[in-house]
């Protein structure tokens, strides 16, 4: 895979400097997969907008996290649970993409619907056909396939205006709370 080119001073501090396209695809796939799991039992109208999202090959996990955060802010969701889930998904992606790079890159998608199809297929492979989603989170992929309207994250980010300044990503430094349990959602 080709290396990503250095383009300007801002990208020099990018966490993706020197990554292959395969690395970026793998991290993005790991992020989306973990985010789906973390939010599957949680109710939010923001999920309906996220389910319509599409992205390009160069989209990073951080780009998606920022787009997801903007949608939750637009919806008025509480920041703490959303930030916690975004942080957990980003931390998982940072770790997992290194070990499962080829598998995650091969499973890379360009839409949230395709990511849900992959998630559902994985659940069937792991748990059999009786495995179901926890109620309240994402709609089944079969309900979403063929919906006419999609939402480009590039368009979302460019039209976010004031929310973009408010939509900072959670700090990934410090205590790793991957396995902590929180009763407040």
C-alpha atoms as a PDB file:
ATOM      1  CA  UNK A   1       0.000   0.000   0.000  1.00  0.00           C
ATOM      2  CA  UNK A   2       1.186   3.504  -0.727  1.00  0.00           C
ATOM      3  CA  UNK A   3       2.360   5.770   2.071  1.00  0.00           C
ATOM      4  CA  UNK A   4       0.397   8.915   2.754  1.00  0.00           C
ATOM      5  CA  UNK A   5       2.176  12.033   1.558  1.00  0.00           C
ATOM      6  CA  UNK A   6       3.208  14.840   3.885  1.00  0.00           C
ATOM      7  CA  UNK A   7       1.249  17.897   2.743  1.00  0.00           C
ATOM      8  CA  UNK A   8       1.683  20.777   5.200  1.00  0.00           C
ATOM      9  CA  UNK A   9       2.927  21.795   8.648  1.00  0.00           C
ATOM     10  CA  UNK A  10      -0.408  20.979  10.276  1.00  0.00           C
ATOM     11  CA  UNK A  11      -0.221  17.374   9.097  1.00  0.00           C
ATOM     12  CA  UNK A  12       3.297  17.008  10.483  1.00  0.00           C
ATOM     13  CA  UNK A  13       1.778  16.704  13.946  1.00  0.00           C
ATOM     14  CA  UNK A  14      -0.926  14.378  12.677  1.00  0.00           C
ATOM     15  CA  UNK A  15      -1.134  10.997  14.385  1.00  0.00           C
ATOM     16  CA  UNK A  16      -1.398   9.527  10.871  1.00  0.00           C
ATOM     17  CA  UNK A  17       1.953  10.747   9.556  1.00  0.00           C
ATOM     18  CA  UNK A  18       3.745   7.795   7.991  1.00  0.00           C
ATOM     19  CA  UNK A  19       0.730   5.501   8.116  1.00  0.00           C
ATOM     20  CA  UNK A  20      -0.198   3.429   5.116  1.00  0.00           C
ATOM     21  CA  UNK A  21      -3.686   3.624   3.708  1.00  0.00           C
ATOM     22  CA  UNK A  22      -4.176   0.116   5.059  1.00  0.00           C
ATOM     23  CA  UNK A  23      -3.329   1.360   8.588  1.00  0.00           C
ATOM     24  CA  UNK A  24      -5.918   4.134   8.342  1.00  0.00           C
ATOM     25  CA  UNK A  25      -8.587   1.800   6.985  1.00  0.00           C
ATOM     26  CA  UNK A  26      -7.899  -0.702   9.752  1.00  0.00           C
ATOM     27  CA  UNK A  27      -8.072   1.910  12.501  1.00  0.00           C
ATOM     28  CA  UNK A  28     -11.281   3.392  11.097  1.00  0.00           C
ATOM     29  CA  UNK A  29     -12.892  -0.050  10.858  1.00  0.00           C
ATOM     30  CA  UNK A  30     -11.861  -0.925  14.418  1.00  0.00           C
ATOM     31  CA  UNK A  31     -13.277   2.397  15.645  1.00  0.00           C
ATOM     32  CA  UNK A  32     -16.635   1.962  13.924  1.00  0.00           C
ATOM     33  CA  UNK A  33     -16.936  -1.673  15.042  1.00  0.00           C
ATOM     34  CA  UNK A  34     -16.313  -0.768  18.685  1.00  0.00           C
ATOM     35  CA  UNK A  35     -18.570   2.300  18.530  1.00  0.00           C
ATOM     36  CA  UNK A  36     -21.443   0.157  17.203  1.00  0.00           C
ATOM     37  CA  UNK A  37     -21.046  -2.220  20.147  1.00  0.00           C
ATOM     38  CA  UNK A  38     -20.752   0.559  22.737  1.00  0.00           C
ATOM     39  CA  UNK A  39     -23.887   2.364  21.533  1.00  0.00           C
ATOM     40  CA  UNK A  40     -26.044  -0.625  20.536  1.00  0.00           C
ATOM     41  CA  UNK A  41     -28.285  -0.572  23.615  1.00  0.00           C
ATOM     42  CA  UNK A  42     -28.524   3.198  23.990  1.00  0.00           C
ATOM     43  CA  UNK A  43     -31.404   5.229  22.623  1.00  0.00           C
ATOM     44  CA  UNK A  44     -30.737   8.456  20.737  1.00  0.00           C
ATOM     45  CA  UNK A  45     -32.240  10.190  17.718  1.00  0.00           C
ATOM     46  CA  UNK A  46     -28.628  10.946  16.756  1.00  0.00           C
ATOM     47  CA  UNK A  47     -28.278   7.263  15.828  1.00  0.00           C
ATOM     48  CA  UNK A  48     -30.740   7.752  12.951  1.00  0.00           C
ATOM     49  CA  UNK A  49     -28.492  10.424  11.416  1.00  0.00           C
ATOM     50  CA  UNK A  50     -25.292   8.424  12.010  1.00  0.00           C
ATOM     51  CA  UNK A  51     -26.872   5.394  10.316  1.00  0.00           C
ATOM     52  CA  UNK A  52     -27.107   7.447   7.098  1.00  0.00           C
ATOM     53  CA  UNK A  53     -23.443   8.494   7.088  1.00  0.00           C
ATOM     54  CA  UNK A  54     -21.084   7.775   4.213  1.00  0.00           C
ATOM     55  CA  UNK A  55     -17.381   8.603   3.954  1.00  0.00           C
ATOM     56  CA  UNK A  56     -14.407   8.486   1.642  1.00  0.00           C
ATOM     57  CA  UNK A  57     -11.367   6.246   1.636  1.00  0.00           C
ATOM     58  CA  UNK A  58      -9.193   8.947   3.244  1.00  0.00           C
ATOM     59  CA  UNK A  59     -11.584   9.450   6.177  1.00  0.00           C
ATOM     60  CA  UNK A  60      -9.890   8.668   9.489  1.00  0.00           C
ATOM     61  CA  UNK A  61     -11.274   7.299  12.742  1.00  0.00           C
ATOM     62  CA  UNK A  62     -10.840  10.783  14.235  1.00  0.00           C
ATOM     63  CA  UNK A  63     -12.824  12.326  11.355  1.00  0.00           C
ATOM     64  CA  UNK A  64     -15.671   9.932  12.075  1.00  0.00           C
ATOM     65  CA  UNK A  65     -15.472  10.537  15.828  1.00  0.00           C
ATOM     66  CA  UNK A  66     -15.733  14.281  15.242  1.00  0.00           C
ATOM     67  CA  UNK A  67     -18.673  13.849  12.863  1.00  0.00           C
ATOM     68  CA  UNK A  68     -20.440  11.566  15.364  1.00  0.00           C
ATOM     69  CA  UNK A  69     -19.824  14.084  18.165  1.00  0.00           C
ATOM     70  CA  UNK A  70     -21.344  16.903  16.085  1.00  0.00           C
ATOM     71  CA  UNK A  71     -24.469  14.823  15.449  1.00  0.00           C
ATOM     72  CA  UNK A  72     -24.865  14.112  19.168  1.00  0.00           C
ATOM     73  CA  UNK A  73     -24.378  17.819  19.980  1.00  0.00           C
ATOM     74  CA  UNK A  74     -26.983  18.797  17.358  1.00  0.00           C
ATOM     75  CA  UNK A  75     -29.353  16.317  18.955  1.00  0.00           C
ATOM     76  CA  UNK A  76     -28.783  17.709  22.456  1.00  0.00           C
ATOM     77  CA  UNK A  77     -27.400  14.476  23.911  1.00  0.00           C
ATOM     78  CA  UNK A  78     -25.402  14.682  27.134  1.00  0.00           C
ATOM     79  CA  UNK A  79     -21.713  14.976  26.379  1.00  0.00           C
ATOM     80  CA  UNK A  80     -20.288  12.738  29.108  1.00  0.00           C
ATOM     81  CA  UNK A  81     -21.648   9.351  27.920  1.00  0.00           C
ATOM     82  CA  UNK A  82     -20.999  10.220  24.273  1.00  0.00           C
ATOM     83  CA  UNK A  83     -17.423  11.351  24.991  1.00  0.00           C
ATOM     84  CA  UNK A  84     -16.828   8.190  27.015  1.00  0.00           C
ATOM     85  CA  UNK A  85     -18.000   5.963  24.152  1.00  0.00           C
ATOM     86  CA  UNK A  86     -16.004   7.918  21.550  1.00  0.00           C
ATOM     87  CA  UNK A  87     -12.901   7.757  23.744  1.00  0.00           C
ATOM     88  CA  UNK A  88     -13.276   4.011  24.315  1.00  0.00           C
ATOM     89  CA  UNK A  89     -13.808   3.354  20.610  1.00  0.00           C
ATOM     90  CA  UNK A  90     -10.777   5.480  19.618  1.00  0.00           C
ATOM     91  CA  UNK A  91      -8.560   3.796  22.229  1.00  0.00           C
ATOM     92  CA  UNK A  92      -9.715   0.376  21.045  1.00  0.00           C
ATOM     93  CA  UNK A  93      -8.975   1.349  17.450  1.00  0.00           C
ATOM     94  CA  UNK A  94      -5.469   2.558  18.325  1.00  0.00           C
ATOM     95  CA  UNK A  95      -4.655  -0.778  19.937  1.00  0.00           C
ATOM     96  CA  UNK A  96      -6.578  -3.250  17.789  1.00  0.00           C
ATOM     97  CA  UNK A  97      -5.631  -1.974  14.342  1.00  0.00           C
ATOM     98  CA  UNK A  98      -1.978  -2.846  14.986  1.00  0.00           C
ATOM     99  CA  UNK A  99      -2.732  -6.472  15.732  1.00  0.00           C
ATOM    100  CA  UNK A 100      -5.541  -7.079  13.255  1.00  0.00           C
ATOM    101  CA  UNK A 101      -4.517  -4.643  10.511  1.00  0.00           C
ATOM    102  CA  UNK A 102      -5.076  -6.944   7.545  1.00  0.00           C
ATOM    103  CA  UNK A 103      -8.437  -8.218   8.780  1.00  0.00           C
ATOM    104  CA  UNK A 104      -9.757  -4.761   9.667  1.00  0.00           C
ATOM    105  CA  UNK A 105      -8.493  -3.221   6.412  1.00  0.00           C
ATOM    106  CA  UNK A 106     -10.190  -6.002   4.435  1.00  0.00           C
ATOM    107  CA  UNK A 107     -13.483  -5.330   6.275  1.00  0.00           C
ATOM    108  CA  UNK A 108     -13.301  -1.563   5.720  1.00  0.00           C
ATOM    109  CA  UNK A 109     -16.521   0.096   4.611  1.00  0.00           C
ATOM    110  CA  UNK A 110     -17.517   3.463   3.194  1.00  0.00           C
ATOM    111  CA  UNK A 111     -20.838   3.780   5.025  1.00  0.00           C
ATOM    112  CA  UNK A 112     -22.354   3.128   8.414  1.00  0.00           C
ATOM    113  CA  UNK A 113     -24.957   0.798   6.895  1.00  0.00           C
ATOM    114  CA  UNK A 114     -22.177  -1.411   5.491  1.00  0.00           C
ATOM    115  CA  UNK A 115     -20.500  -1.366   8.910  1.00  0.00           C
ATOM    116  CA  UNK A 116     -23.770  -2.562  10.483  1.00  0.00           C
ATOM    117  CA  UNK A 117     -24.014  -5.362   7.897  1.00  0.00           C
ATOM    118  CA  UNK A 118     -20.477  -6.423   8.847  1.00  0.00           C
ATOM    119  CA  UNK A 119     -21.361  -6.245  12.555  1.00  0.00           C
ATOM    120  CA  UNK A 120     -24.475  -8.365  12.102  1.00  0.00           C
ATOM    121  CA  UNK A 121     -22.564 -10.920   9.999  1.00  0.00           C
ATOM    122  CA  UNK A 122     -19.882 -11.156  12.704  1.00  0.00           C
ATOM    123  CA  UNK A 123     -22.518 -11.704  15.391  1.00  0.00           C
ATOM    124  CA  UNK A 124     -24.059 -14.559  13.431  1.00  0.00           C
ATOM    125  CA  UNK A 125     -20.621 -16.138  12.926  1.00  0.00           C
ATOM    126  CA  UNK A 126     -19.757 -15.795  16.613  1.00  0.00           C
ATOM    127  CA  UNK A 127     -23.080 -16.507  18.300  1.00  0.00           C
ATOM    128  CA  UNK A 128     -25.306 -18.146  15.697  1.00  0.00           C
ATOM    129  CA  UNK A 129     -28.552 -16.945  14.221  1.00  0.00           C
ATOM    130  CA  UNK A 130     -30.230 -16.461  17.612  1.00  0.00           C
ATOM    131  CA  UNK A 131     -27.941 -13.569  18.472  1.00  0.00           C
ATOM    132  CA  UNK A 132     -29.840 -10.319  18.400  1.00  0.00           C
ATOM    133  CA  UNK A 133     -29.014  -6.719  18.990  1.00  0.00           C
ATOM    134  CA  UNK A 134     -29.793  -5.128  22.303  1.00  0.00           C
ATOM    135  CA  UNK A 135     -32.975  -3.133  21.830  1.00  0.00           C
ATOM    136  CA  UNK A 136     -32.878   0.619  21.497  1.00  0.00           C
ATOM    137  CA  UNK A 137     -29.680   1.297  19.608  1.00  0.00           C
ATOM    138  CA  UNK A 138     -29.117   0.820  15.903  1.00  0.00           C
ATOM    139  CA  UNK A 139     -31.789  -0.246  13.466  1.00  0.00           C
ATOM    140  CA  UNK A 140     -31.160  -3.562  11.685  1.00  0.00           C
ATOM    141  CA  UNK A 141     -29.088  -3.093   8.531  1.00  0.00           C
ATOM    142  CA  UNK A 142     -31.793  -4.677   6.361  1.00  0.00           C
ATOM    143  CA  UNK A 143     -34.111  -1.784   7.300  1.00  0.00           C
ATOM    144  CA  UNK A 144     -31.480   0.760   6.264  1.00  0.00           C
ATOM    145  CA  UNK A 145     -30.301  -0.718   2.973  1.00  0.00           C
ATOM    146  CA  UNK A 146     -31.750   1.195   0.093  1.00  0.00           C
ATOM    147  CA  UNK A 147     -32.746   4.303   2.035  1.00  0.00           C
ATOM    148  CA  UNK A 148     -32.488   7.080  -0.493  1.00  0.00           C
ATOM    149  CA  UNK A 149     -30.876   9.754   1.641  1.00  0.00           C
ATOM    150  CA  UNK A 150     -27.277   9.480   2.800  1.00  0.00           C
ATOM    151  CA  UNK A 151     -25.208  11.973   4.769  1.00  0.00           C
ATOM    152  CA  UNK A 152     -21.640  12.717   3.723  1.00  0.00           C
ATOM    153  CA  UNK A 153     -19.394  13.402   6.705  1.00  0.00           C
ATOM    154  CA  UNK A 154     -17.427  15.857   4.551  1.00  0.00           C
ATOM    155  CA  UNK A 155     -20.632  17.872   4.086  1.00  0.00           C
ATOM    156  CA  UNK A 156     -21.513  17.542   7.787  1.00  0.00           C
ATOM    157  CA  UNK A 157     -18.100  18.804   8.906  1.00  0.00           C
ATOM    158  CA  UNK A 158     -18.069  21.686   6.429  1.00  0.00           C
ATOM    159  CA  UNK A 159     -21.549  22.860   7.442  1.00  0.00           C
ATOM    160  CA  UNK A 160     -21.197  22.367  11.206  1.00  0.00           C
ATOM    161  CA  UNK A 161     -20.338  26.017  11.875  1.00  0.00           C
ATOM    162  CA  UNK A 162     -20.297  26.884  15.576  1.00  0.00           C
ATOM    163  CA  UNK A 163     -20.790  23.255  16.613  1.00  0.00           C
ATOM    164  CA  UNK A 164     -17.442  22.378  15.067  1.00  0.00           C
ATOM    165  CA  UNK A 165     -15.669  24.603  17.601  1.00  0.00           C
ATOM    166  CA  UNK A 166     -17.636  22.990  20.429  1.00  0.00           C
ATOM    167  CA  UNK A 167     -17.117  19.429  19.182  1.00  0.00           C
ATOM    168  CA  UNK A 168     -13.728  18.565  20.575  1.00  0.00           C
ATOM    169  CA  UNK A 169     -12.710  14.955  20.769  1.00  0.00           C
ATOM    170  CA  UNK A 170     -12.222  13.408  24.207  1.00  0.00           C
ATOM    171  CA  UNK A 171      -8.684  13.268  25.567  1.00  0.00           C
ATOM    172  CA  UNK A 172      -7.134   9.872  24.866  1.00  0.00           C
ATOM    173  CA  UNK A 173      -4.334  10.323  27.369  1.00  0.00           C
ATOM    174  CA  UNK A 174      -4.531   9.116  30.944  1.00  0.00           C
ATOM    175  CA  UNK A 175      -6.490   6.374  32.591  1.00  0.00           C
ATOM    176  CA  UNK A 176      -7.739   3.580  30.363  1.00  0.00           C
ATOM    177  CA  UNK A 177     -11.374   3.023  31.294  1.00  0.00           C
ATOM    178  CA  UNK A 178     -12.101   0.437  28.606  1.00  0.00           C
ATOM    179  CA  UNK A 179     -13.572  -2.048  31.055  1.00  0.00           C
ATOM    180  CA  UNK A 180     -15.036   0.286  33.664  1.00  0.00           C
ATOM    181  CA  UNK A 181     -18.741   0.122  34.173  1.00  0.00           C
ATOM    182  CA  UNK A 182     -20.952   3.153  34.377  1.00  0.00           C
ATOM    183  CA  UNK A 183     -24.584   2.959  35.301  1.00  0.00           C
ATOM    184  CA  UNK A 184     -25.343   6.439  33.960  1.00  0.00           C
ATOM    185  CA  UNK A 185     -26.246   6.593  30.260  1.00  0.00           C
END
